[in-house]
N, C-alpha and C. Protein backbone atom coordinates (compact mmCIF):
# COMPACT_ATOMS: atom_id res chain seq x y z
N UNK A 1 9.71 42.85 9.14
CA UNK A 1 9.77 41.53 9.73
C UNK A 1 8.37 40.91 9.68
N UNK A 2 8.30 39.63 9.29
CA UNK A 2 7.03 38.92 9.20
C UNK A 2 6.74 38.21 10.52
N UNK A 3 5.50 38.31 10.97
CA UNK A 3 5.12 37.68 12.23
C UNK A 3 3.90 36.81 12.02
N UNK A 4 3.59 35.99 13.03
CA UNK A 4 2.42 35.10 13.02
C UNK A 4 2.41 34.19 11.79
N UNK A 5 3.20 33.11 11.81
CA UNK A 5 3.37 32.23 10.66
C UNK A 5 2.09 31.67 10.06
N UNK A 6 1.03 31.50 10.82
CA UNK A 6 -0.18 30.89 10.27
C UNK A 6 -1.08 31.90 9.58
N UNK A 7 -0.77 33.17 9.66
CA UNK A 7 -1.68 34.18 9.13
C UNK A 7 -1.45 34.44 7.65
N UNK A 8 -2.49 34.94 6.99
CA UNK A 8 -2.38 35.31 5.58
C UNK A 8 -1.41 36.47 5.42
N UNK A 9 -1.38 37.40 6.38
CA UNK A 9 -0.46 38.53 6.32
C UNK A 9 0.99 38.05 6.33
N UNK A 10 1.28 37.03 7.11
CA UNK A 10 2.63 36.48 7.15
C UNK A 10 3.01 35.92 5.78
N UNK A 11 2.09 35.16 5.19
CA UNK A 11 2.38 34.55 3.89
C UNK A 11 2.64 35.62 2.84
N UNK A 12 1.85 36.70 2.85
CA UNK A 12 2.06 37.79 1.90
C UNK A 12 3.40 38.47 2.15
N UNK A 13 3.72 38.72 3.40
CA UNK A 13 5.00 39.32 3.77
C UNK A 13 6.16 38.42 3.30
N UNK A 14 6.02 37.14 3.50
CA UNK A 14 7.06 36.19 3.11
C UNK A 14 7.24 36.19 1.59
N UNK A 15 6.12 36.21 0.86
CA UNK A 15 6.20 36.23 -0.61
C UNK A 15 6.97 37.46 -1.09
N UNK A 16 6.65 38.62 -0.53
CA UNK A 16 7.32 39.86 -0.92
C UNK A 16 8.82 39.79 -0.60
N UNK A 17 9.14 39.24 0.55
CA UNK A 17 10.53 39.16 0.98
C UNK A 17 11.34 38.16 0.16
N UNK A 18 10.68 37.17 -0.42
CA UNK A 18 11.37 36.11 -1.15
C UNK A 18 11.00 36.09 -2.64
N UNK A 19 10.73 37.24 -3.18
CA UNK A 19 10.45 37.39 -4.62
C UNK A 19 9.32 36.50 -5.11
N UNK A 20 8.28 36.38 -4.33
CA UNK A 20 7.11 35.64 -4.76
C UNK A 20 7.19 34.14 -4.59
N UNK A 21 8.32 33.63 -4.16
CA UNK A 21 8.47 32.18 -3.98
C UNK A 21 8.11 31.80 -2.56
N UNK A 22 7.49 30.65 -2.42
CA UNK A 22 7.18 30.12 -1.09
C UNK A 22 7.93 28.81 -0.91
N UNK A 23 8.33 28.54 0.30
CA UNK A 23 8.99 27.27 0.59
C UNK A 23 7.94 26.17 0.62
N UNK A 24 8.33 24.92 0.43
CA UNK A 24 7.36 23.82 0.49
C UNK A 24 6.63 23.75 1.82
N UNK A 25 7.25 24.20 2.90
CA UNK A 25 6.60 24.15 4.20
C UNK A 25 5.39 25.07 4.29
N UNK A 26 5.37 26.11 3.47
CA UNK A 26 4.26 27.06 3.52
C UNK A 26 3.17 26.74 2.50
N UNK A 27 3.44 25.85 1.57
CA UNK A 27 2.43 25.46 0.59
C UNK A 27 1.51 24.43 1.20
N UNK A 28 0.27 24.78 1.34
CA UNK A 28 -0.69 23.83 1.91
C UNK A 28 -1.12 22.84 0.84
N UNK A 29 -1.26 21.60 1.24
CA UNK A 29 -1.74 20.58 0.32
C UNK A 29 -0.68 20.01 -0.61
N UNK A 30 0.50 20.57 -0.63
CA UNK A 30 1.55 20.06 -1.50
C UNK A 30 2.22 18.88 -0.83
N UNK A 31 2.01 17.69 -1.38
CA UNK A 31 2.69 16.51 -0.84
C UNK A 31 3.12 15.63 -1.99
N UNK A 32 4.14 14.84 -1.77
CA UNK A 32 4.64 14.00 -2.86
C UNK A 32 3.58 12.97 -3.27
N UNK A 33 3.68 12.49 -4.51
CA UNK A 33 2.71 11.49 -4.94
C UNK A 33 2.80 10.22 -4.09
N UNK A 34 1.68 9.61 -3.86
CA UNK A 34 1.63 8.36 -3.11
C UNK A 34 2.09 7.23 -4.02
N UNK A 35 2.57 6.16 -3.43
CA UNK A 35 3.04 5.01 -4.21
C UNK A 35 2.25 3.76 -3.83
N UNK A 36 1.73 3.12 -4.85
CA UNK A 36 1.01 1.86 -4.69
C UNK A 36 1.93 0.76 -5.21
N UNK A 37 2.08 -0.30 -4.44
CA UNK A 37 2.87 -1.45 -4.87
C UNK A 37 1.97 -2.67 -4.93
N UNK A 38 1.98 -3.35 -6.06
CA UNK A 38 1.24 -4.61 -6.22
C UNK A 38 2.24 -5.74 -6.15
N UNK A 39 2.04 -6.64 -5.22
CA UNK A 39 2.87 -7.84 -5.13
C UNK A 39 2.04 -8.96 -5.74
N UNK A 40 2.55 -9.52 -6.81
CA UNK A 40 1.77 -10.47 -7.61
C UNK A 40 2.67 -11.58 -8.15
N UNK A 41 2.07 -12.46 -8.93
CA UNK A 41 2.83 -13.49 -9.63
C UNK A 41 2.20 -13.73 -10.99
N UNK A 42 2.97 -14.23 -11.94
CA UNK A 42 2.44 -14.51 -13.28
C UNK A 42 1.34 -15.58 -13.22
N UNK A 43 0.32 -15.42 -14.05
CA UNK A 43 -0.74 -16.41 -14.16
C UNK A 43 -1.78 -16.34 -13.06
N UNK A 44 -1.79 -15.32 -12.28
CA UNK A 44 -2.72 -15.17 -11.16
C UNK A 44 -3.89 -14.30 -11.61
N UNK A 45 -5.09 -14.87 -11.69
CA UNK A 45 -6.24 -14.10 -12.18
C UNK A 45 -6.65 -13.00 -11.20
N UNK A 46 -6.47 -13.21 -9.89
CA UNK A 46 -6.77 -12.14 -8.92
C UNK A 46 -5.78 -10.99 -9.09
N UNK A 47 -4.54 -11.33 -9.44
CA UNK A 47 -3.52 -10.30 -9.67
C UNK A 47 -3.88 -9.46 -10.89
N UNK A 48 -4.40 -10.11 -11.93
CA UNK A 48 -4.82 -9.38 -13.13
C UNK A 48 -5.92 -8.37 -12.80
N UNK A 49 -6.90 -8.80 -12.00
CA UNK A 49 -7.99 -7.90 -11.61
C UNK A 49 -7.46 -6.76 -10.74
N UNK A 50 -6.56 -7.07 -9.82
CA UNK A 50 -5.98 -6.04 -8.95
C UNK A 50 -5.19 -5.03 -9.76
N UNK A 51 -4.45 -5.51 -10.75
CA UNK A 51 -3.65 -4.64 -11.61
C UNK A 51 -4.53 -3.62 -12.33
N UNK A 52 -5.68 -4.06 -12.83
CA UNK A 52 -6.60 -3.16 -13.53
C UNK A 52 -7.11 -2.05 -12.60
N UNK A 53 -7.51 -2.44 -11.40
CA UNK A 53 -8.03 -1.45 -10.44
C UNK A 53 -6.93 -0.47 -10.05
N UNK A 54 -5.75 -0.98 -9.74
CA UNK A 54 -4.63 -0.13 -9.31
C UNK A 54 -4.24 0.84 -10.42
N UNK A 55 -4.13 0.36 -11.65
CA UNK A 55 -3.75 1.23 -12.77
C UNK A 55 -4.77 2.35 -12.95
N UNK A 56 -6.03 2.03 -12.87
CA UNK A 56 -7.09 3.03 -13.04
C UNK A 56 -7.04 4.07 -11.92
N UNK A 57 -6.97 3.61 -10.67
CA UNK A 57 -6.95 4.53 -9.54
C UNK A 57 -5.69 5.38 -9.55
N UNK A 58 -4.55 4.80 -9.86
CA UNK A 58 -3.30 5.55 -9.90
C UNK A 58 -3.36 6.64 -10.97
N UNK A 59 -3.88 6.31 -12.12
CA UNK A 59 -3.99 7.30 -13.20
C UNK A 59 -4.91 8.46 -12.80
N UNK A 60 -6.02 8.13 -12.17
CA UNK A 60 -7.00 9.16 -11.80
C UNK A 60 -6.55 10.00 -10.61
N UNK A 61 -5.72 9.45 -9.73
CA UNK A 61 -5.31 10.19 -8.53
C UNK A 61 -3.92 10.79 -8.62
N UNK A 62 -3.16 10.41 -9.64
CA UNK A 62 -1.79 10.91 -9.75
C UNK A 62 -0.78 10.12 -8.93
N UNK A 63 -1.23 9.02 -8.35
CA UNK A 63 -0.31 8.17 -7.59
C UNK A 63 0.60 7.41 -8.56
N UNK A 64 1.76 7.03 -8.08
CA UNK A 64 2.63 6.17 -8.88
C UNK A 64 2.37 4.73 -8.43
N UNK A 65 2.65 3.79 -9.31
CA UNK A 65 2.48 2.40 -8.91
C UNK A 65 3.55 1.54 -9.56
N UNK A 66 3.84 0.45 -8.86
CA UNK A 66 4.83 -0.50 -9.32
C UNK A 66 4.34 -1.91 -9.03
N UNK A 67 4.89 -2.85 -9.75
CA UNK A 67 4.53 -4.26 -9.51
C UNK A 67 5.79 -5.04 -9.17
N UNK A 68 5.69 -5.88 -8.16
CA UNK A 68 6.81 -6.73 -7.75
C UNK A 68 6.38 -8.18 -7.89
N UNK A 69 7.24 -9.00 -8.46
CA UNK A 69 6.97 -10.43 -8.67
C UNK A 69 7.39 -11.19 -7.42
N UNK A 70 6.44 -11.82 -6.78
CA UNK A 70 6.70 -12.55 -5.53
C UNK A 70 7.66 -13.72 -5.75
N UNK A 71 7.73 -14.23 -6.98
CA UNK A 71 8.61 -15.36 -7.27
C UNK A 71 10.07 -14.93 -7.42
N UNK A 72 10.31 -13.63 -7.55
CA UNK A 72 11.66 -13.12 -7.74
C UNK A 72 12.29 -12.56 -6.46
N UNK A 73 11.54 -12.57 -5.37
CA UNK A 73 12.02 -11.98 -4.12
C UNK A 73 11.70 -12.92 -2.96
N UNK A 74 12.73 -13.52 -2.39
CA UNK A 74 12.55 -14.51 -1.33
C UNK A 74 11.83 -13.94 -0.11
N UNK A 75 12.14 -12.72 0.27
CA UNK A 75 11.49 -12.09 1.43
C UNK A 75 10.00 -11.86 1.18
N UNK A 76 9.66 -11.36 -0.01
CA UNK A 76 8.24 -11.17 -0.35
C UNK A 76 7.52 -12.52 -0.37
N UNK A 77 8.18 -13.53 -0.91
CA UNK A 77 7.59 -14.87 -0.97
C UNK A 77 7.28 -15.38 0.44
N UNK A 78 8.26 -15.27 1.32
CA UNK A 78 8.08 -15.75 2.69
C UNK A 78 6.95 -15.00 3.40
N UNK A 79 6.90 -13.72 3.17
CA UNK A 79 5.96 -12.87 3.91
C UNK A 79 4.52 -12.90 3.37
N UNK A 80 4.37 -12.95 2.04
CA UNK A 80 3.05 -12.74 1.45
C UNK A 80 2.50 -13.89 0.62
N UNK A 81 3.17 -15.02 0.53
CA UNK A 81 2.77 -16.07 -0.40
C UNK A 81 1.29 -16.44 -0.32
N UNK A 82 0.74 -16.55 0.86
CA UNK A 82 -0.65 -16.99 0.99
C UNK A 82 -1.66 -15.86 0.84
N UNK A 83 -1.20 -14.66 0.57
CA UNK A 83 -2.11 -13.52 0.50
C UNK A 83 -2.17 -12.86 -0.88
N UNK A 84 -1.41 -13.30 -1.85
CA UNK A 84 -1.34 -12.57 -3.12
C UNK A 84 -2.69 -12.55 -3.83
N UNK A 85 -2.97 -11.48 -4.55
CA UNK A 85 -2.16 -10.27 -4.66
C UNK A 85 -2.23 -9.42 -3.38
N UNK A 86 -1.13 -8.76 -3.09
CA UNK A 86 -1.05 -7.88 -1.92
C UNK A 86 -0.84 -6.46 -2.43
N UNK A 87 -1.53 -5.53 -1.83
CA UNK A 87 -1.40 -4.12 -2.19
C UNK A 87 -0.76 -3.37 -1.02
N UNK A 88 0.29 -2.62 -1.32
CA UNK A 88 0.92 -1.76 -0.33
C UNK A 88 0.68 -0.31 -0.75
N UNK A 89 0.47 0.56 0.21
CA UNK A 89 0.40 2.00 -0.04
C UNK A 89 1.52 2.64 0.75
N UNK A 90 2.42 3.26 0.03
CA UNK A 90 3.61 3.87 0.64
C UNK A 90 4.36 2.88 1.53
N UNK A 91 4.45 1.63 1.06
CA UNK A 91 5.23 0.62 1.74
C UNK A 91 4.51 -0.12 2.86
N UNK A 92 3.29 0.27 3.17
CA UNK A 92 2.54 -0.40 4.23
C UNK A 92 1.41 -1.23 3.63
N UNK A 93 1.21 -2.43 4.16
CA UNK A 93 0.19 -3.31 3.61
C UNK A 93 -1.19 -2.67 3.73
N UNK A 94 -1.89 -2.68 2.61
CA UNK A 94 -3.22 -2.08 2.55
C UNK A 94 -4.30 -3.15 2.38
N UNK A 95 -4.12 -4.05 1.44
CA UNK A 95 -5.14 -5.05 1.11
C UNK A 95 -4.46 -6.33 0.65
N UNK A 96 -5.24 -7.41 0.59
CA UNK A 96 -4.77 -8.64 -0.03
C UNK A 96 -5.96 -9.37 -0.63
N UNK A 97 -5.68 -10.28 -1.54
CA UNK A 97 -6.61 -11.06 -2.34
C UNK A 97 -7.40 -10.21 -3.33
N UNK A 98 -8.11 -9.23 -2.86
CA UNK A 98 -8.88 -8.36 -3.77
C UNK A 98 -8.61 -6.90 -3.43
N UNK A 99 -8.62 -6.05 -4.46
CA UNK A 99 -8.41 -4.63 -4.24
C UNK A 99 -9.77 -3.94 -4.33
N UNK A 100 -10.17 -3.32 -3.24
CA UNK A 100 -11.41 -2.55 -3.21
C UNK A 100 -11.09 -1.12 -3.65
N UNK A 101 -11.66 -0.72 -4.77
CA UNK A 101 -11.35 0.58 -5.34
C UNK A 101 -11.67 1.73 -4.39
N UNK A 102 -12.79 1.66 -3.70
CA UNK A 102 -13.19 2.71 -2.76
C UNK A 102 -12.20 2.82 -1.60
N UNK A 103 -11.81 1.67 -1.05
CA UNK A 103 -10.84 1.67 0.06
C UNK A 103 -9.48 2.20 -0.39
N UNK A 104 -9.07 1.83 -1.60
CA UNK A 104 -7.78 2.29 -2.12
C UNK A 104 -7.79 3.81 -2.31
N UNK A 105 -8.87 4.33 -2.88
CA UNK A 105 -8.98 5.78 -3.03
C UNK A 105 -8.94 6.49 -1.68
N UNK A 106 -9.62 5.92 -0.69
CA UNK A 106 -9.63 6.52 0.65
C UNK A 106 -8.22 6.51 1.25
N UNK A 107 -7.50 5.43 1.05
CA UNK A 107 -6.13 5.33 1.58
C UNK A 107 -5.20 6.36 0.92
N UNK A 108 -5.50 6.68 -0.33
CA UNK A 108 -4.68 7.67 -1.05
C UNK A 108 -5.12 9.09 -0.74
N UNK A 109 -6.23 9.22 -0.06
CA UNK A 109 -6.72 10.55 0.30
C UNK A 109 -7.41 11.27 -0.82
N UNK A 110 -7.98 10.54 -1.77
CA UNK A 110 -8.68 11.20 -2.88
C UNK A 110 -10.17 10.97 -2.83
């Protein structure tokens, strides 16, 4: 029987009992990739600059990223029109107008 879940002995005991496999709960540092969302519109020069920063940071950190067109979504338009480009990290607003690369990396935990 394995005891003391936080100990190295427990982890070794668990590995032996489960043929070397560990559950995700026991793997430290294993977390799903973060998601960056850029809310932008066509012809926006600030959006172009934000896109470059986001693409670079996402590639270097392993984060996924997507772009949403504010003109195609009435709710996004109502909520963010005066702030574009807007950056969300995991669905929460992170930045607007300009994307600070250092702040974005910090938000992603890299």
